[in-house]
Amino acid sequence: MLANKLNPKIFEKDVEMKAIRDGYGDGLLIAGEANPDIVVLCADLTESTRSQKFAEKFPKRFFELGVAEQNLAAVAAGLGVSGKIPFISSYATFSPGRNWEQIRTTIAYNDSNVKIAGHHAGIMTGPDGATHEATEDVAIMRTLPNMRVFVPCDWIEAKKATIAAAKLWGPTYIRFAREKSPVVTTEKTPFTPGKAEILWQSKKPQALIVASGVLVHNALLAARELENEKIGTVVLNLHTIKPIDEEKIASLAQKCGAAVSVEEHQIYGGIGSAVAEVLAKNHPVPQEFIGMQDTFGESGNPWDLVKKYGMDAKDIRHAVKKVLRRK
């Protein structure tokens, strides 16, 4: 059943809706107040990336570099090896999309203490269309040595991930969605980097659902509906993609005997691939993949796009039933 310390209105129509990116702005303020070495850099998207609160409170610690994402990464790399803790923010299609080589060579290769905030990620970017909907960012970032990758499921978890990144040494990528989405967690919900959290657990689980980001809520909706159909599941919130919680995923997969990965990202190279790697290494079981099926998105209402591209609760439910037939 639903885990403790989650939003009690999670299944109600009036569940609180708030943008995950808001957690970045709130987290930056808290981290910045606690540590004067934290600095923030932006690429002409201060308001959209929610960096403006930090800029207003700490103007001498904020740097606007303009539309120059390669410079954004390189300048931050220098700060990161000089005792500062730089956070850089832009749309994910531009950072890490446009400046991936600079991130690789100046940040990751030098193990520079830079935190990369990729905003407007996934098709939840909606009206901006395919050119601004980063659905490949997790794949390109998790391959980099020294890089940590967070994908928070709501604004509260995004705030916690931002604060945690400031305290942890090393390059870190955090993925943020633009559109308002259901608030799944609370301030009391556990968040430990590298440790996935069980949000739902049936008494007799038959399938493991590993979800991340805004689709965690859809995974929970699917789990409740499946429970009504006498199909037990475990829903695991994989907020840390790297380092991945290999032990918990393998253990739960062994217990359930089947797995479904759920992500608002290409199924190639993202969360589904990371889970498949863990299962192949530890305990292979049948797996189905919910996510972008080797296609670009398009302009439209974010939630309509989620349905169109097969990432709604009913699609997750169908994937669970499909994988159970393969057990």
C-alpha atoms as a PDB file:
ATOM      1  CA  MET A   1       0.000   0.000   0.000  1.00  0.00           C
ATOM      2  CA  LEU A   2       0.964   3.672  -0.058  1.00  0.00           C
ATOM      3  CA  ALA A   3       4.061   4.436   1.995  1.00  0.00           C
ATOM      4  CA  ASN A   4       3.940   6.692   5.025  1.00  0.00           C
ATOM      5  CA  LYS A   5       5.103  10.305   4.849  1.00  0.00           C
ATOM      6  CA  LEU A   6       3.657  10.937   1.389  1.00  0.00           C
ATOM      7  CA  ASN A   7       1.138  13.594   0.421  1.00  0.00           C
ATOM      8  CA  PRO A   8      -2.204  12.314   1.827  1.00  0.00           C
ATOM      9  CA  LYS A   9      -4.074  13.885  -1.121  1.00  0.00           C
ATOM     10  CA  ILE A  10      -1.997  12.122  -3.712  1.00  0.00           C
ATOM     11  CA  PHE A  11      -4.999  10.363  -5.276  1.00  0.00           C
ATOM     12  CA  GLU A  12      -7.459  13.245  -4.982  1.00  0.00           C
ATOM     13  CA  LYS A  13      -8.488  15.692  -7.693  1.00  0.00           C
ATOM     14  CA  ASP A  14      -7.399  18.665  -5.596  1.00  0.00           C
ATOM     15  CA  VAL A  15      -3.855  17.350  -5.090  1.00  0.00           C
ATOM     16  CA  GLU A  16      -1.408  20.257  -4.904  1.00  0.00           C
ATOM     17  CA  MET A  17       0.237  21.094  -8.230  1.00  0.00           C
ATOM     18  CA  LYS A  18       3.569  22.871  -8.375  1.00  0.00           C
ATOM     19  CA  ALA A  19       6.416  23.009 -10.887  1.00  0.00           C
ATOM     20  CA  ILE A  20       9.457  20.876 -10.103  1.00  0.00           C
ATOM     21  CA  ARG A  21      11.700  23.757 -11.229  1.00  0.00           C
ATOM     22  CA  ASP A  22      10.379  25.824  -8.292  1.00  0.00           C
ATOM     23  CA  GLY A  23      12.224  23.451  -5.987  1.00  0.00           C
ATOM     24  CA  TYR A  24      15.495  24.512  -7.572  1.00  0.00           C
ATOM     25  CA  GLY A  25      14.932  28.171  -6.718  1.00  0.00           C
ATOM     26  CA  ASP A  26      13.880  27.353  -3.154  1.00  0.00           C
ATOM     27  CA  GLY A  27      16.778  24.944  -2.671  1.00  0.00           C
ATOM     28  CA  LEU A  28      19.307  27.467  -3.958  1.00  0.00           C
ATOM     29  CA  LEU A  29      18.227  30.019  -1.347  1.00  0.00           C
ATOM     30  CA  ILE A  30      18.531  27.538   1.508  1.00  0.00           C
ATOM     31  CA  ALA A  31      21.906  26.243   0.296  1.00  0.00           C
ATOM     32  CA  GLY A  32      23.172  29.762  -0.390  1.00  0.00           C
ATOM     33  CA  GLU A  33      22.287  30.975   3.081  1.00  0.00           C
ATOM     34  CA  ALA A  34      24.096  28.009   4.625  1.00  0.00           C
ATOM     35  CA  ASN A  35      27.268  28.247   2.533  1.00  0.00           C
ATOM     36  CA  PRO A  36      28.797  31.520   1.240  1.00  0.00           C
ATOM     37  CA  ASP A  37      30.918  29.581  -1.275  1.00  0.00           C
ATOM     38  CA  ILE A  38      27.859  28.762  -3.358  1.00  0.00           C
ATOM     39  CA  VAL A  39      27.601  30.833  -6.539  1.00  0.00           C
ATOM     40  CA  VAL A  40      25.019  30.686  -9.324  1.00  0.00           C
ATOM     41  CA  LEU A  41      25.555  31.181 -13.055  1.00  0.00           C
ATOM     42  CA  CYS A  42      22.857  31.409 -15.724  1.00  0.00           C
ATOM     43  CA  ALA A  43      22.623  31.634 -19.506  1.00  0.00           C
ATOM     44  CA  ASP A  44      20.022  34.368 -20.011  1.00  0.00           C
ATOM     45  CA  LEU A  45      17.181  32.325 -18.465  1.00  0.00           C
ATOM     46  CA  THR A  46      17.231  33.591 -14.890  1.00  0.00           C
ATOM     47  CA  GLU A  47      13.472  33.707 -14.372  1.00  0.00           C
ATOM     48  CA  SER A  48      12.609  30.534 -16.304  1.00  0.00           C
ATOM     49  CA  THR A  49      15.173  28.503 -14.368  1.00  0.00           C
ATOM     50  CA  ARG A  50      14.067  30.024 -11.044  1.00  0.00           C
ATOM     51  CA  SER A  51      17.523  31.467 -10.376  1.00  0.00           C
ATOM     52  CA  GLN A  52      16.152  34.964  -9.816  1.00  0.00           C
ATOM     53  CA  LYS A  53      15.517  34.539  -6.070  1.00  0.00           C
ATOM     54  CA  PHE A  54      19.188  33.749  -5.498  1.00  0.00           C
ATOM     55  CA  ALA A  55      20.228  36.599  -7.813  1.00  0.00           C
ATOM     56  CA  GLU A  56      18.116  39.083  -5.864  1.00  0.00           C
ATOM     57  CA  LYS A  57      19.346  37.970  -2.438  1.00  0.00           C
ATOM     58  CA  PHE A  58      23.003  37.382  -3.344  1.00  0.00           C
ATOM     59  CA  PRO A  59      23.733  39.687  -6.319  1.00  0.00           C
ATOM     60  CA  LYS A  60      27.510  39.504  -5.811  1.00  0.00           C
ATOM     61  CA  ARG A  61      27.361  35.705  -6.027  1.00  0.00           C
ATOM     62  CA  PHE A  62      25.269  35.582  -9.198  1.00  0.00           C
ATOM     63  CA  PHE A  63      26.710  35.740 -12.724  1.00  0.00           C
ATOM     64  CA  GLU A  64      24.707  36.206 -15.927  1.00  0.00           C
ATOM     65  CA  LEU A  65      26.728  34.918 -18.887  1.00  0.00           C
ATOM     66  CA  GLY A  66      24.173  35.473 -21.608  1.00  0.00           C
ATOM     67  CA  VAL A  67      23.400  33.000 -24.388  1.00  0.00           C
ATOM     68  CA  ALA A  68      26.745  31.230 -24.153  1.00  0.00           C
ATOM     69  CA  GLU A  69      26.258  27.767 -22.689  1.00  0.00           C
ATOM     70  CA  GLN A  70      29.777  26.582 -23.552  1.00  0.00           C
ATOM     71  CA  ASN A  71      31.219  29.500 -21.603  1.00  0.00           C
ATOM     72  CA  LEU A  72      28.761  28.774 -18.804  1.00  0.00           C
ATOM     73  CA  ALA A  73      30.278  25.322 -18.293  1.00  0.00           C
ATOM     74  CA  ALA A  74      33.890  26.415 -18.692  1.00  0.00           C
ATOM     75  CA  VAL A  75      33.640  29.349 -16.272  1.00  0.00           C
ATOM     76  CA  ALA A  76      31.891  27.151 -13.734  1.00  0.00           C
ATOM     77  CA  ALA A  77      34.600  24.499 -14.094  1.00  0.00           C
ATOM     78  CA  GLY A  78      37.228  27.054 -13.071  1.00  0.00           C
ATOM     79  CA  LEU A  79      35.167  28.145 -10.079  1.00  0.00           C
ATOM     80  CA  GLY A  80      34.583  24.532  -9.112  1.00  0.00           C
ATOM     81  CA  VAL A  81      38.279  23.752  -8.798  1.00  0.00           C
ATOM     82  CA  SER A  82      38.945  27.030  -6.974  1.00  0.00           C
ATOM     83  CA  GLY A  83      36.964  26.464  -3.806  1.00  0.00           C
ATOM     84  CA  LYS A  84      33.552  27.661  -4.973  1.00  0.00           C
ATOM     85  CA  ILE A  85      30.416  25.563  -5.449  1.00  0.00           C
ATOM     86  CA  PRO A  86      28.899  26.776  -8.732  1.00  0.00           C
ATOM     87  CA  PHE A  87      25.382  25.947  -9.882  1.00  0.00           C
ATOM     88  CA  ILE A  88      24.747  26.516 -13.580  1.00  0.00           C
ATOM     89  CA  SER A  89      21.309  26.608 -15.140  1.00  0.00           C
ATOM     90  CA  SER A  90      19.775  26.682 -18.602  1.00  0.00           C
ATOM     91  CA  TYR A  91      17.269  24.654 -20.596  1.00  0.00           C
ATOM     92  CA  ALA A  92      18.395  21.035 -20.743  1.00  0.00           C
ATOM     93  CA  THR A  93      18.490  21.085 -24.560  1.00  0.00           C
ATOM     94  CA  PHE A  94      21.238  23.708 -24.246  1.00  0.00           C
ATOM     95  CA  SER A  95      22.920  22.577 -21.019  1.00  0.00           C
ATOM     96  CA  PRO A  96      23.854  19.723 -21.180  1.00  0.00           C
ATOM     97  CA  GLY A  97      22.629  19.495 -24.777  1.00  0.00           C
ATOM     98  CA  ARG A  98      24.687  22.193 -26.468  1.00  0.00           C
ATOM     99  CA  ASN A  99      27.648  22.265 -24.076  1.00  0.00           C
ATOM    100  CA  TRP A 100      28.104  18.545 -23.431  1.00  0.00           C
ATOM    101  CA  GLU A 101      31.722  18.569 -24.629  1.00  0.00           C
ATOM    102  CA  GLN A 102      32.627  21.417 -22.281  1.00  0.00           C
ATOM    103  CA  ILE A 103      30.885  19.619 -19.415  1.00  0.00           C
ATOM    104  CA  ARG A 104      32.795  16.459 -20.282  1.00  0.00           C
ATOM    105  CA  THR A 105      36.239  18.009 -20.644  1.00  0.00           C
ATOM    106  CA  THR A 106      36.260  20.937 -18.230  1.00  0.00           C
ATOM    107  CA  ILE A 107      33.915  19.694 -15.507  1.00  0.00           C
ATOM    108  CA  ALA A 108      33.730  15.876 -15.416  1.00  0.00           C
ATOM    109  CA  TYR A 109      37.302  15.178 -16.532  1.00  0.00           C
ATOM    110  CA  ASN A 110      38.672  17.572 -13.906  1.00  0.00           C
ATOM    111  CA  ASP A 111      36.189  16.399 -11.254  1.00  0.00           C
ATOM    112  CA  SER A 112      35.200  20.034 -10.799  1.00  0.00           C
ATOM    113  CA  ASN A 113      32.612  20.649  -8.092  1.00  0.00           C
ATOM    114  CA  VAL A 114      29.919  21.968 -10.469  1.00  0.00           C
ATOM    115  CA  LYS A 115      26.169  21.407 -10.181  1.00  0.00           C
ATOM    116  CA  ILE A 116      24.336  21.413 -13.526  1.00  0.00           C
ATOM    117  CA  ALA A 117      20.628  22.249 -13.495  1.00  0.00           C
ATOM    118  CA  GLY A 118      18.910  21.083 -16.672  1.00  0.00           C
ATOM    119  CA  HIS A 119      15.551  22.843 -16.887  1.00  0.00           C
ATOM    120  CA  HIS A 120      12.505  22.356 -19.113  1.00  0.00           C
ATOM    121  CA  ALA A 121      13.469  18.709 -19.558  1.00  0.00           C
ATOM    122  CA  GLY A 122      11.138  16.147 -21.126  1.00  0.00           C
ATOM    123  CA  ILE A 123       7.948  16.634 -23.104  1.00  0.00           C
ATOM    124  CA  MET A 124       6.394  18.423 -20.110  1.00  0.00           C
ATOM    125  CA  THR A 125       7.965  21.492 -21.725  1.00  0.00           C
ATOM    126  CA  GLY A 126       4.858  21.259 -23.894  1.00  0.00           C
ATOM    127  CA  PRO A 127       4.151  24.281 -26.133  1.00  0.00           C
ATOM    128  CA  ASP A 128       7.845  24.961 -26.821  1.00  0.00           C
ATOM    129  CA  GLY A 129       7.959  21.842 -28.990  1.00  0.00           C
ATOM    130  CA  ALA A 130      10.535  19.208 -29.870  1.00  0.00           C
ATOM    131  CA  THR A 131      13.512  21.580 -30.130  1.00  0.00           C
ATOM    132  CA  HIS A 132      13.141  22.482 -26.449  1.00  0.00           C
ATOM    133  CA  GLU A 133      11.979  19.127 -25.074  1.00  0.00           C
ATOM    134  CA  ALA A 134      15.123  17.392 -23.824  1.00  0.00           C
ATOM    135  CA  THR A 135      14.401  13.671 -23.828  1.00  0.00           C
ATOM    136  CA  GLU A 136      18.016  12.495 -24.121  1.00  0.00           C
ATOM    137  CA  ASP A 137      19.703  14.358 -21.259  1.00  0.00           C
ATOM    138  CA  VAL A 138      19.837  11.556 -18.685  1.00  0.00           C
ATOM    139  CA  ALA A 139      21.434   9.261 -21.256  1.00  0.00           C
ATOM    140  CA  ILE A 140      24.236  11.651 -22.182  1.00  0.00           C
ATOM    141  CA  MET A 141      24.955  12.653 -18.583  1.00  0.00           C
ATOM    142  CA  ARG A 142      24.986   9.294 -16.841  1.00  0.00           C
ATOM    143  CA  THR A 143      27.716   8.050 -19.183  1.00  0.00           C
ATOM    144  CA  LEU A 144      30.166  10.671 -17.925  1.00  0.00           C
ATOM    145  CA  PRO A 145      32.713   9.508 -15.323  1.00  0.00           C
ATOM    146  CA  ASN A 146      32.459  11.363 -11.977  1.00  0.00           C
ATOM    147  CA  MET A 147      28.927  12.584 -12.812  1.00  0.00           C
ATOM    148  CA  ARG A 148      26.053  12.155 -10.361  1.00  0.00           C
ATOM    149  CA  VAL A 149      22.482  12.289 -11.783  1.00  0.00           C
ATOM    150  CA  PHE A 150      19.290  13.263  -9.914  1.00  0.00           C
ATOM    151  CA  VAL A 151      15.735  13.202 -11.327  1.00  0.00           C
ATOM    152  CA  PRO A 152      13.395  14.514  -8.582  1.00  0.00           C
ATOM    153  CA  CYS A 153       9.702  13.587  -8.705  1.00  0.00           C
ATOM    154  CA  ASP A 154       8.215  16.868  -7.421  1.00  0.00           C
ATOM    155  CA  TRP A 155       9.156  20.358  -6.217  1.00  0.00           C
ATOM    156  CA  ILE A 156       9.825  19.237  -2.636  1.00  0.00           C
ATOM    157  CA  GLU A 157      12.213  16.525  -3.787  1.00  0.00           C
ATOM    158  CA  ALA A 158      13.792  18.993  -6.222  1.00  0.00           C
ATOM    159  CA  LYS A 159      14.507  21.313  -3.306  1.00  0.00           C
ATOM    160  CA  LYS A 160      16.057  18.445  -1.350  1.00  0.00           C
ATOM    161  CA  ALA A 161      18.142  17.346  -4.349  1.00  0.00           C
ATOM    162  CA  THR A 162      19.467  20.882  -4.830  1.00  0.00           C
ATOM    163  CA  ILE A 163      20.443  21.187  -1.163  1.00  0.00           C
ATOM    164  CA  ALA A 164      22.014  17.720  -1.185  1.00  0.00           C
ATOM    165  CA  ALA A 165      24.008  18.486  -4.341  1.00  0.00           C
ATOM    166  CA  ALA A 166      25.517  21.537  -2.636  1.00  0.00           C
ATOM    167  CA  LYS A 167      26.798  19.345   0.196  1.00  0.00           C
ATOM    168  CA  LEU A 168      28.188  16.533  -1.945  1.00  0.00           C
ATOM    169  CA  TRP A 169      31.516  16.862  -3.685  1.00  0.00           C
ATOM    170  CA  GLY A 170      31.693  16.435  -7.420  1.00  0.00           C
ATOM    171  CA  PRO A 171      29.901  17.077 -10.711  1.00  0.00           C
ATOM    172  CA  THR A 172      26.138  16.632 -10.411  1.00  0.00           C
ATOM    173  CA  TYR A 173      23.307  16.851 -12.938  1.00  0.00           C
ATOM    174  CA  ILE A 174      19.771  17.603 -11.726  1.00  0.00           C
ATOM    175  CA  ARG A 175      16.816  17.342 -14.116  1.00  0.00           C
ATOM    176  CA  PHE A 176      13.876  19.756 -13.721  1.00  0.00           C
ATOM    177  CA  ALA A 177      10.481  19.825 -15.445  1.00  0.00           C
ATOM    178  CA  ARG A 178       8.691  23.028 -16.419  1.00  0.00           C
ATOM    179  CA  GLU A 179       4.967  22.310 -16.032  1.00  0.00           C
ATOM    180  CA  LYS A 180       3.153  22.107 -12.707  1.00  0.00           C
ATOM    181  CA  SER A 181       2.824  18.513 -11.554  1.00  0.00           C
ATOM    182  CA  PRO A 182       1.349  16.703  -8.529  1.00  0.00           C
ATOM    183  CA  VAL A 183       3.187  17.067  -5.226  1.00  0.00           C
ATOM    184  CA  VAL A 184       3.845  13.450  -4.252  1.00  0.00           C
ATOM    185  CA  THR A 185       6.155  13.798  -1.263  1.00  0.00           C
ATOM    186  CA  THR A 186       6.263  15.888   1.902  1.00  0.00           C
ATOM    187  CA  GLU A 187       9.061  17.544   3.843  1.00  0.00           C
ATOM    188  CA  LYS A 188       9.233  14.368   5.965  1.00  0.00           C
ATOM    189  CA  THR A 189       9.576  11.971   3.035  1.00  0.00           C
ATOM    190  CA  PRO A 190      13.070  10.418   3.116  1.00  0.00           C
ATOM    191  CA  PHE A 191      15.540  11.598   0.480  1.00  0.00           C
ATOM    192  CA  THR A 192      18.987  10.050   0.525  1.00  0.00           C
ATOM    193  CA  PRO A 193      21.175  10.400  -2.581  1.00  0.00           C
ATOM    194  CA  GLY A 194      21.799   6.981  -4.092  1.00  0.00           C
ATOM    195  CA  LYS A 195      18.934   5.319  -2.193  1.00  0.00           C
ATOM    196  CA  ALA A 196      15.698   4.692  -4.078  1.00  0.00           C
ATOM    197  CA  GLU A 197      12.481   4.987  -2.058  1.00  0.00           C
ATOM    198  CA  ILE A 198       9.564   2.538  -2.009  1.00  0.00           C
ATOM    199  CA  LEU A 199       6.366   4.601  -2.344  1.00  0.00           C
ATOM    200  CA  TRP A 200       3.882   1.761  -2.756  1.00  0.00           C
ATOM    201  CA  GLN A 201       4.079  -1.909  -1.788  1.00  0.00           C
ATOM    202  CA  SER A 202       1.371  -4.552  -2.084  1.00  0.00           C
ATOM    203  CA  LYS A 203       1.267  -7.503   0.279  1.00  0.00           C
ATOM    204  CA  LYS A 204       1.928  -9.910  -2.590  1.00  0.00           C
ATOM    205  CA  PRO A 205       3.749  -7.919  -5.311  1.00  0.00           C
ATOM    206  CA  GLN A 206       3.929  -9.446  -8.777  1.00  0.00           C
ATOM    207  CA  ALA A 207       5.723  -6.623 -10.595  1.00  0.00           C
ATOM    208  CA  LEU A 208       8.214  -3.889  -9.768  1.00  0.00           C
ATOM    209  CA  ILE A 209       7.525  -0.422 -11.207  1.00  0.00           C
ATOM    210  CA  VAL A 210      10.641   1.763 -11.234  1.00  0.00           C
ATOM    211  CA  ALA A 211       9.692   5.369 -11.940  1.00  0.00           C
ATOM    212  CA  SER A 212      11.320   8.782 -11.914  1.00  0.00           C
ATOM    213  CA  GLY A 213      10.412  12.441 -12.297  1.00  0.00           C
ATOM    214  CA  VAL A 214       6.866  13.667 -12.973  1.00  0.00           C
ATOM    215  CA  LEU A 215       5.726  10.167 -13.966  1.00  0.00           C
ATOM    216  CA  VAL A 216       6.098   8.845 -10.411  1.00  0.00           C
ATOM    217  CA  HIS A 217       2.561  10.102  -9.784  1.00  0.00           C
ATOM    218  CA  ASN A 218       1.244   8.181 -12.804  1.00  0.00           C
ATOM    219  CA  ALA A 219       3.015   5.070 -11.528  1.00  0.00           C
ATOM    220  CA  LEU A 220       1.219   5.405  -8.192  1.00  0.00           C
ATOM    221  CA  LEU A 221      -2.136   5.888  -9.921  1.00  0.00           C
ATOM    222  CA  ALA A 222      -1.479   2.734 -11.941  1.00  0.00           C
ATOM    223  CA  ALA A 223      -0.478   0.799  -8.821  1.00  0.00           C
ATOM    224  CA  ARG A 224      -3.726   1.692  -7.069  1.00  0.00           C
ATOM    225  CA  GLU A 225      -5.803   0.657 -10.084  1.00  0.00           C
ATOM    226  CA  LEU A 226      -3.898  -2.613 -10.395  1.00  0.00           C
ATOM    227  CA  GLU A 227      -4.470  -3.291  -6.709  1.00  0.00           C
ATOM    228  CA  ASN A 228      -8.207  -3.066  -7.365  1.00  0.00           C
ATOM    229  CA  GLU A 229      -7.701  -5.718 -10.042  1.00  0.00           C
ATOM    230  CA  LYS A 230      -5.893  -7.981  -7.564  1.00  0.00           C
ATOM    231  CA  ILE A 231      -2.488  -7.330  -9.153  1.00  0.00           C
ATOM    232  CA  GLY A 232       0.125  -6.403  -6.576  1.00  0.00           C
ATOM    233  CA  THR A 233       3.048  -4.099  -7.331  1.00  0.00           C
ATOM    234  CA  VAL A 234       5.922  -2.194  -5.781  1.00  0.00           C
ATOM    235  CA  VAL A 235       6.501   1.403  -6.913  1.00  0.00           C
ATOM    236  CA  LEU A 236      10.096   2.530  -6.508  1.00  0.00           C
ATOM    237  CA  ASN A 237      10.992   6.213  -6.824  1.00  0.00           C
ATOM    238  CA  LEU A 238      14.389   6.218  -8.541  1.00  0.00           C
ATOM    239  CA  HIS A 239      15.344   9.834  -7.856  1.00  0.00           C
ATOM    240  CA  THR A 240      19.064   9.051  -8.132  1.00  0.00           C
ATOM    241  CA  ILE A 241      19.939   7.540 -11.493  1.00  0.00           C
ATOM    242  CA  LYS A 242      23.665   7.572 -10.806  1.00  0.00           C
ATOM    243  CA  PRO A 243      24.894   6.127  -8.519  1.00  0.00           C
ATOM    244  CA  ILE A 244      21.946   3.773  -8.914  1.00  0.00           C
ATOM    245  CA  ASP A 245      20.523   1.789  -6.000  1.00  0.00           C
ATOM    246  CA  GLU A 246      21.580  -1.528  -7.461  1.00  0.00           C
ATOM    247  CA  GLU A 247      20.939  -3.582  -4.335  1.00  0.00           C
ATOM    248  CA  LYS A 248      17.323  -2.452  -3.855  1.00  0.00           C
ATOM    249  CA  ILE A 249      16.372  -2.780  -7.524  1.00  0.00           C
ATOM    250  CA  ALA A 250      17.858  -6.278  -7.787  1.00  0.00           C
ATOM    251  CA  SER A 251      16.284  -7.407  -4.521  1.00  0.00           C
ATOM    252  CA  LEU A 252      12.809  -6.167  -5.425  1.00  0.00           C
ATOM    253  CA  ALA A 253      13.045  -7.560  -8.960  1.00  0.00           C
ATOM    254  CA  GLN A 254      13.905 -10.954  -7.541  1.00  0.00           C
ATOM    255  CA  LYS A 255      10.939 -10.742  -5.167  1.00  0.00           C
ATOM    256  CA  CYS A 256       8.483  -9.610  -7.865  1.00  0.00           C
ATOM    257  CA  GLY A 257       9.793 -11.527 -10.869  1.00  0.00           C
ATOM    258  CA  ALA A 258       9.051  -8.774 -13.397  1.00  0.00           C
ATOM    259  CA  ALA A 259       9.777  -5.068 -13.865  1.00  0.00           C
ATOM    260  CA  VAL A 260       8.436  -1.985 -15.648  1.00  0.00           C
ATOM    261  CA  SER A 261      10.515   1.190 -16.023  1.00  0.00           C
ATOM    262  CA  VAL A 262       8.713   4.527 -16.272  1.00  0.00           C
ATOM    263  CA  GLU A 263      10.408   7.703 -17.491  1.00  0.00           C
ATOM    264  CA  GLU A 264       9.642  10.914 -19.384  1.00  0.00           C
ATOM    265  CA  HIS A 265      12.752  10.347 -21.495  1.00  0.00           C
ATOM    266  CA  GLN A 266      13.892   8.192 -24.385  1.00  0.00           C
ATOM    267  CA  ILE A 267      13.750   4.521 -23.423  1.00  0.00           C
ATOM    268  CA  TYR A 268      17.246   4.156 -24.894  1.00  0.00           C
ATOM    269  CA  GLY A 269      20.007   5.138 -22.512  1.00  0.00           C
ATOM    270  CA  GLY A 270      17.803   6.511 -19.749  1.00  0.00           C
ATOM    271  CA  ILE A 271      16.260   5.109 -16.589  1.00  0.00           C
ATOM    272  CA  GLY A 272      14.953   1.993 -18.318  1.00  0.00           C
ATOM    273  CA  SER A 273      18.395   1.173 -19.654  1.00  0.00           C
ATOM    274  CA  ALA A 274      19.966   1.777 -16.249  1.00  0.00           C
ATOM    275  CA  VAL A 275      17.474  -0.597 -14.623  1.00  0.00           C
ATOM    276  CA  ALA A 276      18.038  -3.193 -17.361  1.00  0.00           C
ATOM    277  CA  GLU A 277      21.786  -3.039 -16.718  1.00  0.00           C
ATOM    278  CA  VAL A 278      21.216  -3.736 -13.036  1.00  0.00           C
ATOM    279  CA  LEU A 279      18.863  -6.629 -13.756  1.00  0.00           C
ATOM    280  CA  ALA A 280      21.135  -8.180 -16.390  1.00  0.00           C
ATOM    281  CA  LYS A 281      24.013  -8.110 -13.942  1.00  0.00           C
ATOM    282  CA  ASN A 282      22.180  -9.300 -10.828  1.00  0.00           C
ATOM    283  CA  HIS A 283      18.837 -10.962 -11.479  1.00  0.00           C
ATOM    284  CA  PRO A 284      17.396 -10.922 -15.027  1.00  0.00           C
ATOM    285  CA  VAL A 285      13.600 -10.701 -15.186  1.00  0.00           C
ATOM    286  CA  PRO A 286      11.161  -9.671 -17.954  1.00  0.00           C
ATOM    287  CA  GLN A 287      11.010  -5.881 -18.326  1.00  0.00           C
ATOM    288  CA  GLU A 288       8.760  -3.453 -20.167  1.00  0.00           C
ATOM    289  CA  PHE A 289       9.736   0.144 -20.952  1.00  0.00           C
ATOM    290  CA  ILE A 290       7.447   3.177 -20.580  1.00  0.00           C
ATOM    291  CA  GLY A 291       8.926   6.345 -22.082  1.00  0.00           C
ATOM    292  CA  MET A 292       9.597   8.050 -25.404  1.00  0.00           C
ATOM    293  CA  GLN A 293       9.771   5.230 -27.935  1.00  0.00           C
ATOM    294  CA  ASP A 294      12.589   6.452 -30.179  1.00  0.00           C
ATOM    295  CA  THR A 295      10.706   9.550 -31.297  1.00  0.00           C
ATOM    296  CA  PHE A 296      10.821  13.310 -30.823  1.00  0.00           C
ATOM    297  CA  GLY A 297       8.008  15.138 -29.071  1.00  0.00           C
ATOM    298  CA  GLU A 298       5.888  17.963 -30.425  1.00  0.00           C
ATOM    299  CA  SER A 299       4.187  21.165 -29.347  1.00  0.00           C
ATOM    300  CA  GLY A 300       1.080  20.706 -27.223  1.00  0.00           C
ATOM    301  CA  ASN A 301      -0.463  20.570 -23.784  1.00  0.00           C
ATOM    302  CA  PRO A 302       2.049  18.710 -21.562  1.00  0.00           C
ATOM    303  CA  TRP A 303      -0.452  16.223 -20.123  1.00  0.00           C
ATOM    304  CA  ASP A 304      -1.955  15.559 -23.564  1.00  0.00           C
ATOM    305  CA  LEU A 305       1.554  14.738 -24.778  1.00  0.00           C
ATOM    306  CA  VAL A 306       2.067  12.326 -21.886  1.00  0.00           C
ATOM    307  CA  LYS A 307      -1.058  10.471 -23.021  1.00  0.00           C
ATOM    308  CA  LYS A 308      -0.180  10.595 -26.718  1.00  0.00           C
ATOM    309  CA  TYR A 309       3.264   9.108 -26.178  1.00  0.00           C
ATOM    310  CA  GLY A 310       2.027   6.273 -23.972  1.00  0.00           C
ATOM    311  CA  MET A 311       3.120   7.400 -20.518  1.00  0.00           C
ATOM    312  CA  ASP A 312      -0.258   7.750 -18.789  1.00  0.00           C
ATOM    313  CA  ALA A 313      -1.385   5.637 -15.820  1.00  0.00           C
ATOM    314  CA  LYS A 314      -3.376   3.331 -18.127  1.00  0.00           C
ATOM    315  CA  ASP A 315      -0.258   2.735 -20.236  1.00  0.00           C
ATOM    316  CA  ILE A 316       1.723   1.778 -17.145  1.00  0.00           C
ATOM    317  CA  ARG A 317      -1.098  -0.536 -16.084  1.00  0.00           C
ATOM    318  CA  HIS A 318      -1.098  -2.217 -19.489  1.00  0.00           C
ATOM    319  CA  ALA A 319       2.692  -2.582 -19.389  1.00  0.00           C
ATOM    320  CA  VAL A 320       2.470  -4.348 -16.030  1.00  0.00           C
ATOM    321  CA  LYS A 321      -0.109  -6.794 -17.386  1.00  0.00           C
ATOM    322  CA  LYS A 322       2.034  -7.363 -20.466  1.00  0.00           C
ATOM    323  CA  VAL A 323       5.177  -8.098 -18.482  1.00  0.00           C
ATOM    324  CA  LEU A 324       3.286 -10.452 -16.197  1.00  0.00           C
ATOM    325  CA  ARG A 325       2.339 -12.561 -19.227  1.00  0.00           C
ATOM    326  CA  ARG A 326       6.069 -12.991 -19.876  1.00  0.00           C
ATOM    327  CA  LYS A 327       6.934 -14.302 -16.408  1.00  0.00           C
END
